[in-house]
């Protein structure tokens, strides 16, 4: 009789796992760059990107995509190296051996648009 009761309880628990809707959120929130969520993505000219070449206003180009990395400048583990190509193409430095693979996921947070062809 005990085995039947235990089996019924287990079946009930398993059924509940499939019936009760689960939230898509795992309880963790991801930091996102404000411009990535509030602005419409657009296309930028090299001339436009070049205007954002300071510590307090830093955009970079990586493989034809434009990123506003201003909020990340102070956190950059390589210090001011991120400013070497501020307002310009950082593709070569971005894919350098100094970057861990996680940087490829992190940069998506700062994506604001594409570079005009």
PDB file of N, CA and C in Angstrom:
ATOM      1  N   UNK A   1       0.810  -1.186   0.000  1.00  0.00           N
ATOM      2  CA  UNK A   1       0.000   0.000   0.000  1.00  0.00           C
ATOM      3  C   UNK A   1       0.863   1.263   0.000  1.00  0.00           C
ATOM      4  N   UNK A   2       1.973   1.213   0.758  1.00  0.00           N
ATOM      5  CA  UNK A   2       2.877   2.360   0.808  1.00  0.00           C
ATOM      6  C   UNK A   2       3.475   2.655  -0.565  1.00  0.00           C
ATOM      7  N   UNK A   3       3.810   1.632  -1.305  1.00  0.00           N
ATOM      8  CA  UNK A   3       4.409   1.801  -2.630  1.00  0.00           C
ATOM      9  C   UNK A   3       3.425   2.496  -3.562  1.00  0.00           C
ATOM     10  N   UNK A   4       2.174   2.143  -3.476  1.00  0.00           N
ATOM     11  CA  UNK A   4       1.133   2.768  -4.304  1.00  0.00           C
ATOM     12  C   UNK A   4       1.019   4.248  -3.947  1.00  0.00           C
ATOM     13  N   UNK A   5       1.041   4.579  -2.688  1.00  0.00           N
ATOM     14  CA  UNK A   5       0.927   5.968  -2.233  1.00  0.00           C
ATOM     15  C   UNK A   5       2.119   6.792  -2.701  1.00  0.00           C
ATOM     16  N   UNK A   6       3.307   6.234  -2.561  1.00  0.00           N
ATOM     17  CA  UNK A   6       4.525   6.930  -2.996  1.00  0.00           C
ATOM     18  C   UNK A   6       4.502   7.133  -4.511  1.00  0.00           C
ATOM     19  N   UNK A   7       4.083   6.117  -5.248  1.00  0.00           N
ATOM     20  CA  UNK A   7       3.995   6.213  -6.706  1.00  0.00           C
ATOM     21  C   UNK A   7       3.005   7.297  -7.115  1.00  0.00           C
ATOM     22  N   UNK A   8       1.867   7.359  -6.451  1.00  0.00           N
ATOM     23  CA  UNK A   8       0.871   8.388  -6.764  1.00  0.00           C
ATOM     24  C   UNK A   8       1.397   9.792  -6.478  1.00  0.00           C
ATOM     25  N   UNK A   9       2.105   9.953  -5.379  1.00  0.00           N
ATOM     26  CA  UNK A   9       2.677  11.265  -5.043  1.00  0.00           C
ATOM     27  C   UNK A   9       3.704  11.676  -6.097  1.00  0.00           C
ATOM     28  N   UNK A  10       4.573  10.764  -6.485  1.00  0.00           N
ATOM     29  CA  UNK A  10       5.578  11.063  -7.507  1.00  0.00           C
ATOM     30  C   UNK A  10       4.927  11.422  -8.841  1.00  0.00           C
ATOM     31  N   UNK A  11       3.888  10.679  -9.227  1.00  0.00           N
ATOM     32  CA  UNK A  11       3.183  10.989 -10.472  1.00  0.00           C
ATOM     33  C   UNK A  11       2.530  12.366 -10.409  1.00  0.00           C
ATOM     34  N   UNK A  12       1.973  12.699  -9.243  1.00  0.00           N
ATOM     35  CA  UNK A  12       1.349  14.012  -9.071  1.00  0.00           C
ATOM     36  C   UNK A  12       2.387  15.128  -9.215  1.00  0.00           C
ATOM     37  N   UNK A  13       3.556  14.952  -8.593  1.00  0.00           N
ATOM     38  CA  UNK A  13       4.625  15.956  -8.672  1.00  0.00           C
ATOM     39  C   UNK A  13       5.109  16.116 -10.110  1.00  0.00           C
ATOM     40  N   UNK A  14       5.327  15.019 -10.801  1.00  0.00           N
ATOM     41  CA  UNK A  14       5.767  15.082 -12.196  1.00  0.00           C
ATOM     42  C   UNK A  14       4.720  15.747 -13.078  1.00  0.00           C
ATOM     43  N   UNK A  15       3.459  15.426 -12.861  1.00  0.00           N
ATOM     44  CA  UNK A  15       2.381  16.044 -13.643  1.00  0.00           C
ATOM     45  C   UNK A  15       2.339  17.542 -13.388  1.00  0.00           C
ATOM     46  N   UNK A  16       2.544  17.946 -12.153  1.00  0.00           N
ATOM     47  CA  UNK A  16       2.530  19.369 -11.805  1.00  0.00           C
ATOM     48  C   UNK A  16       3.645  20.122 -12.520  1.00  0.00           C
ATOM     49  N   UNK A  17       4.791  19.490 -12.686  1.00  0.00           N
ATOM     50  CA  UNK A  17       5.904  20.135 -13.386  1.00  0.00           C
ATOM     51  C   UNK A  17       5.560  20.452 -14.844  1.00  0.00           C
ATOM     52  N   UNK A  18       4.738  19.641 -15.453  1.00  0.00           N
ATOM     53  CA  UNK A  18       4.364  19.854 -16.846  1.00  0.00           C
ATOM     54  C   UNK A  18       3.151  20.765 -17.001  1.00  0.00           C
ATOM     55  N   UNK A  19       2.320  20.837 -15.993  1.00  0.00           N
ATOM     56  CA  UNK A  19       1.082  21.606 -16.088  1.00  0.00           C
ATOM     57  C   UNK A  19       1.261  23.050 -15.628  1.00  0.00           C
ATOM     58  N   UNK A  20       1.997  23.266 -14.562  1.00  0.00           N
ATOM     59  CA  UNK A  20       2.173  24.607 -14.012  1.00  0.00           C
ATOM     60  C   UNK A  20       3.080  25.394 -14.963  1.00  0.00           C
ATOM     61  N   UNK A  21       2.595  26.557 -15.460  1.00  0.00           N
ATOM     62  CA  UNK A  21       3.424  27.352 -16.380  1.00  0.00           C
ATOM     63  C   UNK A  21       4.655  27.889 -15.679  1.00  0.00           C
ATOM     64  N   UNK A  22       5.746  27.868 -16.411  1.00  0.00           N
ATOM     65  CA  UNK A  22       6.996  28.375 -15.873  1.00  0.00           C
ATOM     66  C   UNK A  22       7.289  29.738 -16.470  1.00  0.00           C
ATOM     67  N   UNK A  23       7.904  30.589 -15.698  1.00  0.00           N
ATOM     68  CA  UNK A  23       8.301  31.913 -16.160  1.00  0.00           C
ATOM     69  C   UNK A  23       9.526  31.769 -17.041  1.00  0.00           C
ATOM     70  N   UNK A  24       9.627  32.608 -18.077  1.00  0.00           N
ATOM     71  CA  UNK A  24      10.811  32.613 -18.940  1.00  0.00           C
ATOM     72  C   UNK A  24      12.007  33.218 -18.222  1.00  0.00           C
ATOM     73  N   UNK A  25      11.733  34.036 -17.234  1.00  0.00           N
ATOM     74  CA  UNK A  25      12.803  34.654 -16.472  1.00  0.00           C
ATOM     75  C   UNK A  25      13.328  33.653 -15.456  1.00  0.00           C
ATOM     76  N   UNK A  26      14.613  33.550 -15.347  1.00  0.00           N
ATOM     77  CA  UNK A  26      15.238  32.616 -14.416  1.00  0.00           C
ATOM     78  C   UNK A  26      15.564  33.290 -13.089  1.00  0.00           C
ATOM     79  N   UNK A  27      14.992  34.490 -12.885  1.00  0.00           N
ATOM     80  CA  UNK A  27      15.254  35.187 -11.636  1.00  0.00           C
ATOM     81  C   UNK A  27      16.496  36.040 -11.684  1.00  0.00           C
ATOM     82  N   UNK A  28      17.169  36.068 -12.809  1.00  0.00           N
ATOM     83  CA  UNK A  28      18.329  36.913 -12.938  1.00  0.00           C
ATOM     84  C   UNK A  28      18.059  37.945 -14.008  1.00  0.00           C
ATOM     85  N   UNK A  29      18.540  39.109 -13.792  1.00  0.00           N
ATOM     86  CA  UNK A  29      18.369  40.134 -14.810  1.00  0.00           C
ATOM     87  C   UNK A  29      19.722  40.451 -15.405  1.00  0.00           C
ATOM     88  N   UNK A  30      19.716  40.697 -16.680  1.00  0.00           N
ATOM     89  CA  UNK A  30      20.927  40.989 -17.395  1.00  0.00           C
ATOM     90  C   UNK A  30      21.052  42.495 -17.542  1.00  0.00           C
ATOM     91  N   UNK A  31      22.202  43.028 -17.288  1.00  0.00           N
ATOM     92  CA  UNK A  31      22.403  44.448 -17.503  1.00  0.00           C
ATOM     93  C   UNK A  31      22.372  44.703 -19.004  1.00  0.00           C
ATOM     94  N   UNK A  32      21.610  45.680 -19.398  1.00  0.00           N
ATOM     95  CA  UNK A  32      21.620  46.054 -20.801  1.00  0.00           C
ATOM     96  C   UNK A  32      21.910  47.523 -20.914  1.00  0.00           C
ATOM     97  N   UNK A  33      22.541  47.875 -21.982  1.00  0.00           N
ATOM     98  CA  UNK A  33      22.861  49.258 -22.241  1.00  0.00           C
ATOM     99  C   UNK A  33      21.567  50.001 -22.562  1.00  0.00           C
ATOM    100  N   UNK A  34      21.330  51.157 -21.953  1.00  0.00           N
ATOM    101  CA  UNK A  34      20.075  51.869 -22.180  1.00  0.00           C
ATOM    102  C   UNK A  34      19.757  52.101 -23.647  1.00  0.00           C
ATOM    103  N   UNK A  35      20.747  52.437 -24.454  1.00  0.00           N
ATOM    104  CA  UNK A  35      20.460  52.724 -25.854  1.00  0.00           C
ATOM    105  C   UNK A  35      20.027  51.475 -26.606  1.00  0.00           C
ATOM    106  N   UNK A  36      20.428  50.306 -26.125  1.00  0.00           N
ATOM    107  CA  UNK A  36      20.050  49.070 -26.801  1.00  0.00           C
ATOM    108  C   UNK A  36      18.577  48.759 -26.609  1.00  0.00           C
ATOM    109  N   UNK A  37      17.977  49.298 -25.554  1.00  0.00           N
ATOM    110  CA  UNK A  37      16.577  48.998 -25.292  1.00  0.00           C
ATOM    111  C   UNK A  37      15.647  50.169 -25.576  1.00  0.00           C
ATOM    112  N   UNK A  38      16.161  51.391 -25.597  1.00  0.00           N
ATOM    113  CA  UNK A  38      15.290  52.542 -25.755  1.00  0.00           C
ATOM    114  C   UNK A  38      15.400  53.216 -27.113  1.00  0.00           C
ATOM    115  N   UNK A  39      16.452  52.982 -27.847  1.00  0.00           N
ATOM    116  CA  UNK A  39      16.629  53.621 -29.146  1.00  0.00           C
ATOM    117  C   UNK A  39      16.421  52.611 -30.268  1.00  0.00           C
ATOM    118  N   UNK A  40      15.955  53.113 -31.367  1.00  0.00           N
ATOM    119  CA  UNK A  40      15.837  52.272 -32.549  1.00  0.00           C
ATOM    120  C   UNK A  40      17.220  52.144 -33.170  1.00  0.00           C
ATOM    121  N   UNK A  41      17.603  50.932 -33.518  1.00  0.00           N
ATOM    122  CA  UNK A  41      18.899  50.719 -34.140  1.00  0.00           C
ATOM    123  C   UNK A  41      18.906  51.393 -35.505  1.00  0.00           C
ATOM    124  N   UNK A  42      20.049  51.918 -35.892  1.00  0.00           N
ATOM    125  CA  UNK A  42      20.149  52.586 -37.174  1.00  0.00           C
ATOM    126  C   UNK A  42      21.499  52.360 -37.808  1.00  0.00           C
ATOM    127  N   UNK A  43      21.747  53.048 -38.889  1.00  0.00           N
ATOM    128  CA  UNK A  43      23.007  52.945 -39.619  1.00  0.00           C
ATOM    129  C   UNK A  43      23.782  54.243 -39.424  1.00  0.00           C
ATOM    130  N   UNK A  44      25.088  54.116 -39.193  1.00  0.00           N
ATOM    131  CA  UNK A  44      25.942  55.269 -38.945  1.00  0.00           C
ATOM    132  C   UNK A  44      27.045  55.352 -39.984  1.00  0.00           C
ATOM    133  N   UNK A  45      27.442  56.570 -40.311  1.00  0.00           N
ATOM    134  CA  UNK A  45      28.587  56.767 -41.207  1.00  0.00           C
ATOM    135  C   UNK A  45      29.859  56.782 -40.364  1.00  0.00           C
ATOM    136  N   UNK A  46      31.003  56.554 -41.003  1.00  0.00           N
ATOM    137  CA  UNK A  46      32.282  56.615 -40.284  1.00  0.00           C
ATOM    138  C   UNK A  46      32.475  58.002 -39.691  1.00  0.00           C
ATOM    139  N   UNK A  47      32.003  59.017 -40.411  1.00  0.00           N
ATOM    140  CA  UNK A  47      32.130  60.396 -39.946  1.00  0.00           C
ATOM    141  C   UNK A  47      31.347  60.609 -38.649  1.00  0.00           C
ATOM    142  N   UNK A  48      30.160  60.024 -38.555  1.00  0.00           N
ATOM    143  CA  UNK A  48      29.352  60.129 -37.331  1.00  0.00           C
ATOM    144  C   UNK A  48      30.038  59.431 -36.157  1.00  0.00           C
ATOM    145  N   UNK A  49      30.552  58.234 -36.415  1.00  0.00           N
ATOM    146  CA  UNK A  49      31.204  57.459 -35.354  1.00  0.00           C
ATOM    147  C   UNK A  49      32.448  58.188 -34.857  1.00  0.00           C
ATOM    148  N   UNK A  50      33.175  58.807 -35.767  1.00  0.00           N
ATOM    149  CA  UNK A  50      34.411  59.513 -35.426  1.00  0.00           C
ATOM    150  C   UNK A  50      34.185  60.617 -34.391  1.00  0.00           C
ATOM    151  N   UNK A  51      32.996  61.184 -34.336  1.00  0.00           N
ATOM    152  CA  UNK A  51      32.682  62.249 -33.374  1.00  0.00           C
ATOM    153  C   UNK A  51      32.632  61.738 -31.929  1.00  0.00           C
ATOM    154  N   UNK A  52      32.521  60.442 -31.754  1.00  0.00           N
ATOM    155  CA  UNK A  52      32.388  59.835 -30.417  1.00  0.00           C
ATOM    156  C   UNK A  52      33.718  59.183 -30.028  1.00  0.00           C
ATOM    157  N   UNK A  53      34.723  60.028 -29.789  1.00  0.00           N
ATOM    158  CA  UNK A  53      36.085  59.538 -29.603  1.00  0.00           C
ATOM    159  C   UNK A  53      36.712  59.941 -28.269  1.00  0.00           C
ATOM    160  N   UNK A  54      35.867  60.097 -27.255  1.00  0.00           N
ATOM    161  CA  UNK A  54      36.363  60.511 -25.945  1.00  0.00           C
ATOM    162  C   UNK A  54      35.989  59.484 -24.864  1.00  0.00           C
ATOM    163  N   UNK A  55      36.637  59.600 -23.745  1.00  0.00           N
ATOM    164  CA  UNK A  55      36.349  58.721 -22.603  1.00  0.00           C
ATOM    165  C   UNK A  55      34.882  58.816 -22.196  1.00  0.00           C
ATOM    166  N   UNK A  56      34.312  60.018 -22.274  1.00  0.00           N
ATOM    167  CA  UNK A  56      32.929  60.242 -21.848  1.00  0.00           C
ATOM    168  C   UNK A  56      31.923  60.040 -22.977  1.00  0.00           C
ATOM    169  N   UNK A  57      32.401  59.696 -24.148  1.00  0.00           N
ATOM    170  CA  UNK A  57      31.539  59.463 -25.312  1.00  0.00           C
ATOM    171  C   UNK A  57      32.332  58.603 -26.288  1.00  0.00           C
ATOM    172  N   UNK A  58      32.293  57.289 -26.074  1.00  0.00           N
ATOM    173  CA  UNK A  58      33.175  56.378 -26.794  1.00  0.00           C
ATOM    174  C   UNK A  58      32.397  55.342 -27.599  1.00  0.00           C
ATOM    175  N   UNK A  59      32.491  55.474 -28.918  1.00  0.00           N
ATOM    176  CA  UNK A  59      31.902  54.486 -29.810  1.00  0.00           C
ATOM    177  C   UNK A  59      33.031  53.777 -30.533  1.00  0.00           C
ATOM    178  N   UNK A  60      32.809  52.517 -30.847  1.00  0.00           N
ATOM    179  CA  UNK A  60      33.786  51.753 -31.632  1.00  0.00           C
ATOM    180  C   UNK A  60      33.064  50.976 -32.727  1.00  0.00           C
ATOM    181  N   UNK A  61      33.832  50.591 -33.721  1.00  0.00           N
ATOM    182  CA  UNK A  61      33.324  49.763 -34.815  1.00  0.00           C
ATOM    183  C   UNK A  61      34.028  48.417 -34.731  1.00  0.00           C
ATOM    184  N   UNK A  62      33.249  47.345 -34.781  1.00  0.00           N
ATOM    185  CA  UNK A  62      33.813  45.991 -34.808  1.00  0.00           C
ATOM    186  C   UNK A  62      33.068  45.228 -35.893  1.00  0.00           C
ATOM    187  N   UNK A  63      33.805  44.842 -36.917  1.00  0.00           N
ATOM    188  CA  UNK A  63      33.239  44.082 -38.048  1.00  0.00           C
ATOM    189  C   UNK A  63      31.971  44.731 -38.602  1.00  0.00           C
ATOM    190  N   UNK A  64      32.027  46.045 -38.824  1.00  0.00           N
ATOM    191  CA  UNK A  64      30.919  46.752 -39.450  1.00  0.00           C
ATOM    192  C   UNK A  64      29.738  47.045 -38.549  1.00  0.00           C
ATOM    193  N   UNK A  65      29.870  46.764 -37.264  1.00  0.00           N
ATOM    194  CA  UNK A  65      28.805  47.078 -36.306  1.00  0.00           C
ATOM    195  C   UNK A  65      29.302  48.179 -35.379  1.00  0.00           C
ATOM    196  N   UNK A  66      28.382  49.045 -34.968  1.00  0.00           N
ATOM    197  CA  UNK A  66      28.735  50.190 -34.119  1.00  0.00           C
ATOM    198  C   UNK A  66      28.274  49.914 -32.693  1.00  0.00           C
ATOM    199  N   UNK A  67      29.170  50.187 -31.748  1.00  0.00           N
ATOM    200  CA  UNK A  67      28.908  49.958 -30.333  1.00  0.00           C
ATOM    201  C   UNK A  67      29.206  51.224 -29.538  1.00  0.00           C
ATOM    202  N   UNK A  68      28.295  51.599 -28.652  1.00  0.00           N
ATOM    203  CA  UNK A  68      28.531  52.698 -27.720  1.00  0.00           C
ATOM    204  C   UNK A  68      29.035  52.069 -26.433  1.00  0.00           C
ATOM    205  N   UNK A  69      30.344  52.089 -26.251  1.00  0.00           N
ATOM    206  CA  UNK A  69      30.959  51.434 -25.092  1.00  0.00           C
ATOM    207  C   UNK A  69      31.276  52.412 -23.969  1.00  0.00           C
ATOM    208  N   UNK A  70      30.712  53.607 -24.036  1.00  0.00           N
ATOM    209  CA  UNK A  70      30.972  54.634 -23.026  1.00  0.00           C
ATOM    210  C   UNK A  70      30.815  54.109 -21.599  1.00  0.00           C
ATOM    211  N   UNK A  71      29.721  53.393 -21.283  1.00  0.00           N
ATOM    212  CA  UNK A  71      29.574  52.919 -19.901  1.00  0.00           C
ATOM    213  C   UNK A  71      30.620  51.887 -19.488  1.00  0.00           C
ATOM    214  N   UNK A  72      31.300  51.299 -20.449  1.00  0.00           N
ATOM    215  CA  UNK A  72      32.258  50.233 -20.163  1.00  0.00           C
ATOM    216  C   UNK A  72      33.702  50.738 -20.057  1.00  0.00           C
ATOM    217  N   UNK A  73      33.955  51.950 -20.524  1.00  0.00           N
ATOM    218  CA  UNK A  73      35.330  52.469 -20.574  1.00  0.00           C
ATOM    219  C   UNK A  73      36.035  52.352 -19.224  1.00  0.00           C
ATOM    220  N   UNK A  74      35.390  52.776 -18.154  1.00  0.00           N
ATOM    221  CA  UNK A  74      36.030  52.747 -16.833  1.00  0.00           C
ATOM    222  C   UNK A  74      36.201  51.330 -16.296  1.00  0.00           C
ATOM    223  N   UNK A  75      35.396  50.386 -16.774  1.00  0.00           N
ATOM    224  CA  UNK A  75      35.475  48.999 -16.308  1.00  0.00           C
ATOM    225  C   UNK A  75      36.440  48.146 -17.130  1.00  0.00           C
ATOM    226  N   UNK A  76      36.874  48.664 -18.262  1.00  0.00           N
ATOM    227  CA  UNK A  76      37.701  47.879 -19.183  1.00  0.00           C
ATOM    228  C   UNK A  76      38.959  47.372 -18.490  1.00  0.00           C
ATOM    229  N   UNK A  77      39.144  46.049 -18.440  1.00  0.00           N
ATOM    230  CA  UNK A  77      40.308  45.481 -17.746  1.00  0.00           C
ATOM    231  C   UNK A  77      41.640  45.920 -18.355  1.00  0.00           C
ATOM    232  N   UNK A  78      41.632  46.291 -19.615  1.00  0.00           N
ATOM    233  CA  UNK A  78      42.856  46.740 -20.285  1.00  0.00           C
ATOM    234  C   UNK A  78      43.089  48.231 -20.139  1.00  0.00           C
ATOM    235  N   UNK A  79      42.384  48.849 -19.207  1.00  0.00           N
ATOM    236  CA  UNK A  79      42.565  50.281 -18.968  1.00  0.00           C
ATOM    237  C   UNK A  79      42.160  51.109 -20.176  1.00  0.00           C
ATOM    238  N   UNK A  80      43.004  52.085 -20.488  1.00  0.00           N
ATOM    239  CA  UNK A  80      42.697  53.016 -21.567  1.00  0.00           C
ATOM    240  C   UNK A  80      42.919  52.443 -22.960  1.00  0.00           C
ATOM    241  N   UNK A  81      43.305  51.191 -23.058  1.00  0.00           N
ATOM    242  CA  UNK A  81      43.513  50.584 -24.378  1.00  0.00           C
ATOM    243  C   UNK A  81      42.242  50.651 -25.219  1.00  0.00           C
ATOM    244  N   UNK A  82      41.102  50.633 -24.574  1.00  0.00           N
ATOM    245  CA  UNK A  82      39.837  50.707 -25.298  1.00  0.00           C
ATOM    246  C   UNK A  82      39.698  52.053 -26.025  1.00  0.00           C
ATOM    247  N   UNK A  83      40.408  53.057 -25.541  1.00  0.00           N
ATOM    248  CA  UNK A  83      40.334  54.385 -26.149  1.00  0.00           C
ATOM    249  C   UNK A  83      41.252  54.537 -27.364  1.00  0.00           C
ATOM    250  N   UNK A  84      42.138  53.576 -27.591  1.00  0.00           N
ATOM    251  CA  UNK A  84      43.075  53.676 -28.720  1.00  0.00           C
ATOM    252  C   UNK A  84      42.357  53.841 -30.058  1.00  0.00           C
ATOM    253  N   UNK A  85      41.208  53.228 -30.200  1.00  0.00           N
ATOM    254  CA  UNK A  85      40.461  53.317 -31.457  1.00  0.00           C
ATOM    255  C   UNK A  85      39.080  53.933 -31.245  1.00  0.00           C
ATOM    256  N   UNK A  86      38.933  54.728 -30.201  1.00  0.00           N
ATOM    257  CA  UNK A  86      37.651  55.380 -29.930  1.00  0.00           C
ATOM    258  C   UNK A  86      37.243  56.200 -31.148  1.00  0.00           C
ATOM    259  N   UNK A  87      36.012  56.005 -31.589  1.00  0.00           N
ATOM    260  CA  UNK A  87      35.523  56.711 -32.766  1.00  0.00           C
ATOM    261  C   UNK A  87      35.950  56.066 -34.065  1.00  0.00           C
ATOM    262  N   UNK A  88      36.590  54.919 -33.982  1.00  0.00           N
ATOM    263  CA  UNK A  88      37.083  54.260 -35.188  1.00  0.00           C
ATOM    264  C   UNK A  88      36.911  52.752 -35.132  1.00  0.00           C
ATOM    265  N   UNK A  89      37.625  52.084 -36.025  1.00  0.00           N
ATOM    266  CA  UNK A  89      37.509  50.633 -36.154  1.00  0.00           C
ATOM    267  C   UNK A  89      38.409  49.927 -35.147  1.00  0.00           C
ATOM    268  N   UNK A  90      37.801  49.144 -34.279  1.00  0.00           N
ATOM    269  CA  UNK A  90      38.519  48.402 -33.238  1.00  0.00           C
ATOM    270  C   UNK A  90      38.553  46.903 -33.511  1.00  0.00           C
ATOM    271  N   UNK A  91      38.220  46.503 -34.720  1.00  0.00           N
ATOM    272  CA  UNK A  91      38.106  45.081 -35.031  1.00  0.00           C
ATOM    273  C   UNK A  91      39.382  44.317 -34.705  1.00  0.00           C
ATOM    274  N   UNK A  92      40.521  44.831 -35.151  1.00  0.00           N
ATOM    275  CA  UNK A  92      41.784  44.109 -34.945  1.00  0.00           C
ATOM    276  C   UNK A  92      42.097  43.934 -33.463  1.00  0.00           C
ATOM    277  N   UNK A  93      41.959  44.987 -32.691  1.00  0.00           N
ATOM    278  CA  UNK A  93      42.219  44.905 -31.257  1.00  0.00           C
ATOM    279  C   UNK A  93      41.194  44.051 -30.529  1.00  0.00           C
ATOM    280  N   UNK A  94      39.955  44.130 -30.976  1.00  0.00           N
ATOM    281  CA  UNK A  94      38.883  43.368 -30.339  1.00  0.00           C
ATOM    282  C   UNK A  94      39.126  41.870 -30.452  1.00  0.00           C
ATOM    283  N   UNK A  95      39.617  41.437 -31.601  1.00  0.00           N
ATOM    284  CA  UNK A  95      39.872  40.012 -31.816  1.00  0.00           C
ATOM    285  C   UNK A  95      41.290  39.601 -31.439  1.00  0.00           C
ATOM    286  N   UNK A  96      41.972  40.448 -30.686  1.00  0.00           N
ATOM    287  CA  UNK A  96      43.329  40.135 -30.252  1.00  0.00           C
ATOM    288  C   UNK A  96      43.355  39.049 -29.192  1.00  0.00           C
ATOM    289  N   UNK A  97      44.534  38.501 -28.939  1.00  0.00           N
ATOM    290  CA  UNK A  97      44.673  37.391 -27.987  1.00  0.00           C
ATOM    291  C   UNK A  97      44.399  37.783 -26.535  1.00  0.00           C
ATOM    292  N   UNK A  98      44.356  39.061 -26.242  1.00  0.00           N
ATOM    293  CA  UNK A  98      44.146  39.505 -24.870  1.00  0.00           C
ATOM    294  C   UNK A  98      42.704  39.348 -24.401  1.00  0.00           C
ATOM    295  N   UNK A  99      41.773  39.141 -25.325  1.00  0.00           N
ATOM    296  CA  UNK A  99      40.365  39.051 -24.953  1.00  0.00           C
ATOM    297  C   UNK A  99      39.912  37.610 -24.751  1.00  0.00           C
ATOM    298  N   UNK A 100      39.222  37.406 -23.650  1.00  0.00           N
ATOM    299  CA  UNK A 100      38.605  36.099 -23.393  1.00  0.00           C
ATOM    300  C   UNK A 100      37.369  35.985 -24.277  1.00  0.00           C
ATOM    301  N   UNK A 101      36.885  34.787 -24.479  1.00  0.00           N
ATOM    302  CA  UNK A 101      35.737  34.591 -25.367  1.00  0.00           C
ATOM    303  C   UNK A 101      34.469  35.243 -24.829  1.00  0.00           C
ATOM    304  N   UNK A 102      34.370  35.499 -23.532  1.00  0.00           N
ATOM    305  CA  UNK A 102      33.167  36.118 -22.990  1.00  0.00           C
ATOM    306  C   UNK A 102      32.952  37.531 -23.516  1.00  0.00           C
ATOM    307  N   UNK A 103      34.020  38.178 -23.981  1.00  0.00           N
ATOM    308  CA  UNK A 103      33.895  39.538 -24.510  1.00  0.00           C
ATOM    309  C   UNK A 103      32.986  39.562 -25.747  1.00  0.00           C
ATOM    310  N   UNK A 104      32.918  38.457 -26.469  1.00  0.00           N
ATOM    311  CA  UNK A 104      32.089  38.404 -27.674  1.00  0.00           C
ATOM    312  C   UNK A 104      30.606  38.441 -27.323  1.00  0.00           C
ATOM    313  N   UNK A 105      30.237  37.941 -26.158  1.00  0.00           N
ATOM    314  CA  UNK A 105      28.854  38.028 -25.691  1.00  0.00           C
ATOM    315  C   UNK A 105      28.583  39.381 -25.034  1.00  0.00           C
ATOM    316  N   UNK A 106      29.547  39.874 -24.295  1.00  0.00           N
ATOM    317  CA  UNK A 106      29.387  41.138 -23.579  1.00  0.00           C
ATOM    318  C   UNK A 106      29.138  42.313 -24.517  1.00  0.00           C
ATOM    319  N   UNK A 107      29.812  42.331 -25.645  1.00  0.00           N
ATOM    320  CA  UNK A 107      29.740  43.484 -26.534  1.00  0.00           C
ATOM    321  C   UNK A 107      28.332  43.698 -27.088  1.00  0.00           C
ATOM    322  N   UNK A 108      27.534  42.653 -27.150  1.00  0.00           N
ATOM    323  CA  UNK A 108      26.169  42.784 -27.665  1.00  0.00           C
ATOM    324  C   UNK A 108      25.341  43.784 -26.871  1.00  0.00           C
ATOM    325  N   UNK A 109      25.650  43.932 -25.593  1.00  0.00           N
ATOM    326  CA  UNK A 109      24.926  44.876 -24.746  1.00  0.00           C
ATOM    327  C   UNK A 109      25.078  46.312 -25.222  1.00  0.00           C
ATOM    328  N   UNK A 110      26.143  46.592 -25.965  1.00  0.00           N
ATOM    329  CA  UNK A 110      26.462  47.957 -26.350  1.00  0.00           C
ATOM    330  C   UNK A 110      26.177  48.248 -27.829  1.00  0.00           C
ATOM    331  N   UNK A 111      25.645  47.292 -28.532  1.00  0.00           N
ATOM    332  CA  UNK A 111      25.359  47.428 -29.959  1.00  0.00           C
ATOM    333  C   UNK A 111      24.283  48.478 -30.200  1.00  0.00           C
ATOM    334  N   UNK A 112      24.565  49.449 -31.084  1.00  0.00           N
ATOM    335  CA  UNK A 112      23.596  50.501 -31.377  1.00  0.00           C
ATOM    336  C   UNK A 112      23.208  50.564 -32.854  1.00  0.00           C
ATOM    337  N   UNK A 113      23.956  49.899 -33.719  1.00  0.00           N
ATOM    338  CA  UNK A 113      23.599  49.928 -35.138  1.00  0.00           C
ATOM    339  C   UNK A 113      24.728  49.423 -36.017  1.00  0.00           C
ATOM    340  N   UNK A 114      24.533  49.597 -37.309  1.00  0.00           N
ATOM    341  CA  UNK A 114      25.519  49.140 -38.282  1.00  0.00           C
ATOM    342  C   UNK A 114      26.231  50.316 -38.934  1.00  0.00           C
ATOM    343  N   UNK A 115      27.410  50.038 -39.457  1.00  0.00           N
ATOM    344  CA  UNK A 115      28.176  51.029 -40.193  1.00  0.00           C
ATOM    345  C   UNK A 115      27.697  51.054 -41.637  1.00  0.00           C
ATOM    346  N   UNK A 116      27.541  52.252 -42.180  1.00  0.00           N
ATOM    347  CA  UNK A 116      27.133  52.372 -43.584  1.00  0.00           C
ATOM    348  C   UNK A 116      28.205  51.768 -44.477  1.00  0.00           C
ATOM    349  N   UNK A 117      27.764  51.106 -45.504  1.00  0.00           N
ATOM    350  CA  UNK A 117      28.703  50.470 -46.433  1.00  0.00           C
ATOM    351  C   UNK A 117      29.382  51.500 -47.310  1.00  0.00           C
TER     352      UNK A 117
END
